[in-house]
Amino acid sequence: MAESLDLLDRVDGVDRVARIQQEWARERPEVDVRPQGVIGRLHRLGAYLTEELCVVYRKYGLGEGDFDVLAALRRAGAPYERAPGELAEHTMVTTGAMTKRVDRLEHAGLVSRRVSESDGRGRVVALTPAGRALIDRAFSEHMANERRLLDALTEDEADQLESLLTKWLAVTEGRRD
């Protein structure tokens, strides 16, 4: 990963974000552009990582959202089912978006829907045997892919980064509540 990022982003030893910062510092020296160093690189890295993760999803005929739904159902444990609203909460999408995802997955034979036994008005979405087999294979490859992507860092660097991101995310999400 580090090599491909170097090829994509570096010219004369300076990455794209640093070049942008240099240009802004020249044009607007009174503005502190240091935040771009972190935010810009995180933004670029996030886009790169998303594309690299989607390679595995596509291999299994899934989009990112489809993978998220199947994974949320698998993480629920036997009998691998959740209410649509619960799925939306676990995947951080609207219930309308969840309906479209579930429709696609049901059409593909990966999930089924039924009336809730505890609430006759409610629905339950469950993994089918084919859905469980698919998500188990896809998840194993997904984790190997994430390991490959993270191998650009040492174990200590990855631990530090996880700690910093956890702290930053908690503070950021706390502002939204």
C-alpha atoms as a PDB file:
ATOM      1  CA  MET A   1       0.000   0.000   0.000  1.00  0.00           C
ATOM      2  CA  ALA A   2       2.710   2.494   0.958  1.00  0.00           C
ATOM      3  CA  GLU A   3       4.412   2.013  -2.408  1.00  0.00           C
ATOM      4  CA  SER A   4       1.238   2.639  -4.401  1.00  0.00           C
ATOM      5  CA  LEU A   5       0.428   5.723  -2.321  1.00  0.00           C
ATOM      6  CA  ASP A   6       3.949   7.022  -2.958  1.00  0.00           C
ATOM      7  CA  LEU A   7       3.511   6.514  -6.700  1.00  0.00           C
ATOM      8  CA  LEU A   8       0.139   8.250  -6.710  1.00  0.00           C
ATOM      9  CA  ASP A   9       0.880  11.168  -4.408  1.00  0.00           C
ATOM     10  CA  ARG A  10       4.541  12.137  -4.447  1.00  0.00           C
ATOM     11  CA  VAL A  11       6.369  14.452  -6.786  1.00  0.00           C
ATOM     12  CA  ASP A  12       9.923  15.377  -5.877  1.00  0.00           C
ATOM     13  CA  GLY A  13       9.469  13.859  -2.409  1.00  0.00           C
ATOM     14  CA  VAL A  14       6.454  16.073  -1.556  1.00  0.00           C
ATOM     15  CA  ASP A  15       2.973  14.589  -1.381  1.00  0.00           C
ATOM     16  CA  ARG A  16      -0.105  16.213  -2.894  1.00  0.00           C
ATOM     17  CA  VAL A  17      -1.370  17.547   0.429  1.00  0.00           C
ATOM     18  CA  ALA A  18       1.979  19.165   1.212  1.00  0.00           C
ATOM     19  CA  ARG A  19       1.988  20.828  -2.214  1.00  0.00           C
ATOM     20  CA  ILE A  20      -1.500  22.237  -1.563  1.00  0.00           C
ATOM     21  CA  GLN A  21      -0.379  23.499   1.844  1.00  0.00           C
ATOM     22  CA  GLN A  22       2.678  25.150   0.309  1.00  0.00           C
ATOM     23  CA  GLU A  23       0.548  26.910  -2.272  1.00  0.00           C
ATOM     24  CA  TRP A  24      -1.910  28.159   0.356  1.00  0.00           C
ATOM     25  CA  ALA A  25       0.920  29.254   2.634  1.00  0.00           C
ATOM     26  CA  ARG A  26       2.321  31.283  -0.255  1.00  0.00           C
ATOM     27  CA  GLU A  27      -1.054  32.789  -1.210  1.00  0.00           C
ATOM     28  CA  ARG A  28      -2.521  33.218   2.294  1.00  0.00           C
ATOM     29  CA  PRO A  29       0.419  33.299   4.761  1.00  0.00           C
ATOM     30  CA  GLU A  30      -1.822  34.689   7.530  1.00  0.00           C
ATOM     31  CA  VAL A  31      -3.941  31.459   7.576  1.00  0.00           C
ATOM     32  CA  ASP A  32      -2.713  28.401   9.491  1.00  0.00           C
ATOM     33  CA  VAL A  33      -2.897  25.573   6.954  1.00  0.00           C
ATOM     34  CA  ARG A  34      -1.485  22.873   9.235  1.00  0.00           C
ATOM     35  CA  PRO A  35      -4.918  21.235   9.768  1.00  0.00           C
ATOM     36  CA  GLN A  36      -4.887  20.339   6.072  1.00  0.00           C
ATOM     37  CA  GLY A  37      -1.930  18.082   6.795  1.00  0.00           C
ATOM     38  CA  VAL A  38      -4.101  15.787   8.883  1.00  0.00           C
ATOM     39  CA  ILE A  39      -7.562  16.306   7.401  1.00  0.00           C
ATOM     40  CA  GLY A  40      -6.411  16.263   3.779  1.00  0.00           C
ATOM     41  CA  ARG A  41      -4.396  13.095   4.217  1.00  0.00           C
ATOM     42  CA  LEU A  42      -7.201  11.360   6.135  1.00  0.00           C
ATOM     43  CA  HIS A  43      -9.653  12.323   3.401  1.00  0.00           C
ATOM     44  CA  ARG A  44      -7.394  10.990   0.635  1.00  0.00           C
ATOM     45  CA  LEU A  45      -6.542   7.860   2.606  1.00  0.00           C
ATOM     46  CA  GLY A  46     -10.227   7.234   3.341  1.00  0.00           C
ATOM     47  CA  ALA A  47     -11.086   7.355  -0.352  1.00  0.00           C
ATOM     48  CA  TYR A  48      -8.189   5.040  -1.184  1.00  0.00           C
ATOM     49  CA  LEU A  49      -9.111   2.577   1.558  1.00  0.00           C
ATOM     50  CA  THR A  50     -12.773   2.530   0.531  1.00  0.00           C
ATOM     51  CA  GLU A  51     -11.799   1.634  -3.026  1.00  0.00           C
ATOM     52  CA  GLU A  52      -9.441  -1.094  -1.821  1.00  0.00           C
ATOM     53  CA  LEU A  53     -12.141  -2.560   0.456  1.00  0.00           C
ATOM     54  CA  CYS A  54     -14.740  -2.476  -2.329  1.00  0.00           C
ATOM     55  CA  VAL A  55     -12.513  -4.703  -4.483  1.00  0.00           C
ATOM     56  CA  VAL A  56     -13.299  -7.589  -2.126  1.00  0.00           C
ATOM     57  CA  TYR A  57     -17.008  -6.735  -1.917  1.00  0.00           C
ATOM     58  CA  ARG A  58     -17.314  -6.682  -5.716  1.00  0.00           C
ATOM     59  CA  LYS A  59     -15.585 -10.057  -5.931  1.00  0.00           C
ATOM     60  CA  TYR A  60     -18.579 -11.471  -4.047  1.00  0.00           C
ATOM     61  CA  GLY A  61     -21.147  -9.508  -6.051  1.00  0.00           C
ATOM     62  CA  LEU A  62     -21.753  -7.066  -3.203  1.00  0.00           C
ATOM     63  CA  GLY A  63     -21.697  -3.331  -2.769  1.00  0.00           C
ATOM     64  CA  GLU A  64     -20.379  -1.750   0.408  1.00  0.00           C
ATOM     65  CA  GLY A  65     -23.912  -1.392   1.824  1.00  0.00           C
ATOM     66  CA  ASP A  66     -24.815  -4.975   0.968  1.00  0.00           C
ATOM     67  CA  PHE A  67     -21.730  -6.220   2.792  1.00  0.00           C
ATOM     68  CA  ASP A  68     -22.659  -4.078   5.816  1.00  0.00           C
ATOM     69  CA  VAL A  69     -26.176  -5.565   5.993  1.00  0.00           C
ATOM     70  CA  LEU A  70     -24.970  -9.157   5.694  1.00  0.00           C
ATOM     71  CA  ALA A  71     -22.233  -8.511   8.261  1.00  0.00           C
ATOM     72  CA  ALA A  72     -24.702  -6.920  10.712  1.00  0.00           C
ATOM     73  CA  LEU A  73     -26.963  -9.965  10.405  1.00  0.00           C
ATOM     74  CA  ARG A  74     -24.041 -12.383  10.851  1.00  0.00           C
ATOM     75  CA  ARG A  75     -22.795 -10.492  13.936  1.00  0.00           C
ATOM     76  CA  ALA A  76     -26.264 -10.831  15.482  1.00  0.00           C
ATOM     77  CA  GLY A  77     -25.564 -14.518  16.122  1.00  0.00           C
ATOM     78  CA  ALA A  78     -27.969 -17.367  15.565  1.00  0.00           C
ATOM     79  CA  PRO A  79     -30.599 -17.171  14.165  1.00  0.00           C
ATOM     80  CA  TYR A  80     -28.847 -14.299  12.294  1.00  0.00           C
ATOM     81  CA  GLU A  81     -31.725 -11.865  12.119  1.00  0.00           C
ATOM     82  CA  ARG A  82     -32.607  -8.306  13.037  1.00  0.00           C
ATOM     83  CA  ALA A  83     -35.522  -5.927  12.576  1.00  0.00           C
ATOM     84  CA  PRO A  84     -35.035  -3.475   9.670  1.00  0.00           C
ATOM     85  CA  GLY A  85     -34.798  -0.504  12.064  1.00  0.00           C
ATOM     86  CA  GLU A  86     -32.125  -2.303  14.072  1.00  0.00           C
ATOM     87  CA  LEU A  87     -30.233  -3.055  10.851  1.00  0.00           C
ATOM     88  CA  ALA A  88     -30.413   0.609   9.879  1.00  0.00           C
ATOM     89  CA  GLU A  89     -28.997   1.565  13.273  1.00  0.00           C
ATOM     90  CA  HIS A  90     -26.164  -0.981  13.008  1.00  0.00           C
ATOM     91  CA  THR A  91     -25.216   0.193   9.524  1.00  0.00           C
ATOM     92  CA  MET A  92     -25.866   3.917  10.044  1.00  0.00           C
ATOM     93  CA  VAL A  93     -28.279   4.419   7.139  1.00  0.00           C
ATOM     94  CA  THR A  94     -31.872   5.565   6.903  1.00  0.00           C
ATOM     95  CA  THR A  95     -34.678   3.016   7.012  1.00  0.00           C
ATOM     96  CA  GLY A  96     -35.496   3.934   3.391  1.00  0.00           C
ATOM     97  CA  ALA A  97     -31.965   3.085   2.276  1.00  0.00           C
ATOM     98  CA  MET A  98     -32.145  -0.107   4.322  1.00  0.00           C
ATOM     99  CA  THR A  99     -35.331  -1.168   2.530  1.00  0.00           C
ATOM    100  CA  LYS A 100     -33.585  -0.855  -0.844  1.00  0.00           C
ATOM    101  CA  ARG A 101     -30.599  -2.863   0.371  1.00  0.00           C
ATOM    102  CA  VAL A 102     -32.783  -5.599   1.830  1.00  0.00           C
ATOM    103  CA  ASP A 103     -34.835  -5.734  -1.384  1.00  0.00           C
ATOM    104  CA  ARG A 104     -31.645  -6.310  -3.413  1.00  0.00           C
ATOM    105  CA  LEU A 105     -30.317  -8.943  -1.006  1.00  0.00           C
ATOM    106  CA  GLU A 106     -33.679 -10.723  -0.845  1.00  0.00           C
ATOM    107  CA  HIS A 107     -33.867 -10.800  -4.646  1.00  0.00           C
ATOM    108  CA  ALA A 108     -30.370 -12.379  -4.660  1.00  0.00           C
ATOM    109  CA  GLY A 109     -31.499 -15.036  -2.167  1.00  0.00           C
ATOM    110  CA  LEU A 110     -29.111 -13.849   0.559  1.00  0.00           C
ATOM    111  CA  VAL A 111     -31.740 -12.693   3.079  1.00  0.00           C
ATOM    112  CA  SER A 112     -35.390 -13.384   3.763  1.00  0.00           C
ATOM    113  CA  ARG A 113     -38.107 -11.296   5.391  1.00  0.00           C
ATOM    114  CA  ARG A 114     -40.895 -12.477   7.634  1.00  0.00           C
ATOM    115  CA  VAL A 115     -43.432 -11.070  10.055  1.00  0.00           C
ATOM    116  CA  SER A 116     -42.083 -10.651  13.586  1.00  0.00           C
ATOM    117  CA  GLU A 117     -43.360 -13.252  16.043  1.00  0.00           C
ATOM    118  CA  SER A 118     -43.333 -10.692  18.867  1.00  0.00           C
ATOM    119  CA  ASP A 119     -44.971  -7.853  16.893  1.00  0.00           C
ATOM    120  CA  GLY A 120     -47.370  -8.781  14.127  1.00  0.00           C
ATOM    121  CA  ARG A 121     -46.864  -5.405  12.458  1.00  0.00           C
ATOM    122  CA  GLY A 122     -43.086  -5.631  12.453  1.00  0.00           C
ATOM    123  CA  ARG A 123     -40.761  -7.443  10.080  1.00  0.00           C
ATOM    124  CA  VAL A 124     -37.596  -9.418  10.610  1.00  0.00           C
ATOM    125  CA  VAL A 125     -34.730  -9.776   8.124  1.00  0.00           C
ATOM    126  CA  ALA A 126     -32.707 -12.987   8.347  1.00  0.00           C
ATOM    127  CA  LEU A 127     -29.682 -14.437   6.591  1.00  0.00           C
ATOM    128  CA  THR A 128     -30.463 -17.364   4.350  1.00  0.00           C
ATOM    129  CA  PRO A 129     -27.998 -20.284   4.347  1.00  0.00           C
ATOM    130  CA  ALA A 130     -26.603 -18.902   1.083  1.00  0.00           C
ATOM    131  CA  GLY A 131     -26.257 -15.451   2.665  1.00  0.00           C
ATOM    132  CA  ARG A 132     -24.428 -16.858   5.673  1.00  0.00           C
ATOM    133  CA  ALA A 133     -22.038 -18.861   3.496  1.00  0.00           C
ATOM    134  CA  LEU A 134     -21.343 -15.804   1.340  1.00  0.00           C
ATOM    135  CA  ILE A 135     -20.721 -13.397   4.219  1.00  0.00           C
ATOM    136  CA  ASP A 136     -18.476 -15.912   5.971  1.00  0.00           C
ATOM    137  CA  ARG A 137     -16.285 -16.223   2.865  1.00  0.00           C
ATOM    138  CA  ALA A 138     -16.371 -12.488   2.108  1.00  0.00           C
ATOM    139  CA  PHE A 139     -15.613 -11.507   5.716  1.00  0.00           C
ATOM    140  CA  SER A 140     -12.551 -13.762   5.890  1.00  0.00           C
ATOM    141  CA  GLU A 141     -11.165 -12.194   2.722  1.00  0.00           C
ATOM    142  CA  HIS A 142     -12.186  -8.713   3.922  1.00  0.00           C
ATOM    143  CA  MET A 143     -10.152  -9.117   7.116  1.00  0.00           C
ATOM    144  CA  ALA A 144      -7.139 -10.401   5.166  1.00  0.00           C
ATOM    145  CA  ASN A 145      -7.459  -7.343   2.916  1.00  0.00           C
ATOM    146  CA  GLU A 146      -7.641  -4.994   5.922  1.00  0.00           C
ATOM    147  CA  ARG A 147      -4.536  -6.708   7.359  1.00  0.00           C
ATOM    148  CA  ARG A 148      -2.742  -6.150   4.040  1.00  0.00           C
ATOM    149  CA  LEU A 149      -3.696  -2.469   4.077  1.00  0.00           C
ATOM    150  CA  LEU A 150      -2.632  -2.000   7.683  1.00  0.00           C
ATOM    151  CA  ASP A 151       0.700  -3.777   7.150  1.00  0.00           C
ATOM    152  CA  ALA A 152       2.115  -0.445   5.924  1.00  0.00           C
ATOM    153  CA  LEU A 153       2.356   0.416   9.651  1.00  0.00           C
ATOM    154  CA  THR A 154       4.179  -1.335  12.458  1.00  0.00           C
ATOM    155  CA  GLU A 155       2.040  -2.924  15.156  1.00  0.00           C
ATOM    156  CA  ASP A 156       2.931  -0.069  17.544  1.00  0.00           C
ATOM    157  CA  GLU A 157       2.054   2.559  14.914  1.00  0.00           C
ATOM    158  CA  ALA A 158      -1.273   0.852  14.212  1.00  0.00           C
ATOM    159  CA  ASP A 159      -2.038   0.744  17.958  1.00  0.00           C
ATOM    160  CA  GLN A 160      -1.175   4.444  18.333  1.00  0.00           C
ATOM    161  CA  LEU A 161      -3.259   5.391  15.326  1.00  0.00           C
ATOM    162  CA  GLU A 162      -6.222   3.373  16.573  1.00  0.00           C
ATOM    163  CA  SER A 163      -6.001   5.070  19.962  1.00  0.00           C
ATOM    164  CA  LEU A 164      -5.817   8.549  18.453  1.00  0.00           C
ATOM    165  CA  LEU A 165      -8.654   7.905  16.012  1.00  0.00           C
ATOM    166  CA  THR A 166     -10.800   6.403  18.778  1.00  0.00           C
ATOM    167  CA  LYS A 167     -10.289   9.516  20.902  1.00  0.00           C
ATOM    168  CA  TRP A 168     -10.915  11.910  18.028  1.00  0.00           C
ATOM    169  CA  LEU A 169     -14.026  10.060  16.869  1.00  0.00           C
ATOM    170  CA  ALA A 170     -15.475   9.977  20.386  1.00  0.00           C
ATOM    171  CA  VAL A 171     -15.006  13.733  20.745  1.00  0.00           C
ATOM    172  CA  THR A 172     -16.396  14.415  17.262  1.00  0.00           C
ATOM    173  CA  GLU A 173     -19.412  12.154  17.681  1.00  0.00           C
ATOM    174  CA  GLY A 174     -20.023  13.596  21.132  1.00  0.00           C
ATOM    175  CA  ARG A 175     -20.481  17.045  19.570  1.00  0.00           C
ATOM    176  CA  ARG A 176     -23.304  15.715  17.394  1.00  0.00           C
ATOM    177  CA  ASP A 177     -25.338  14.217  20.253  1.00  0.00           C
END
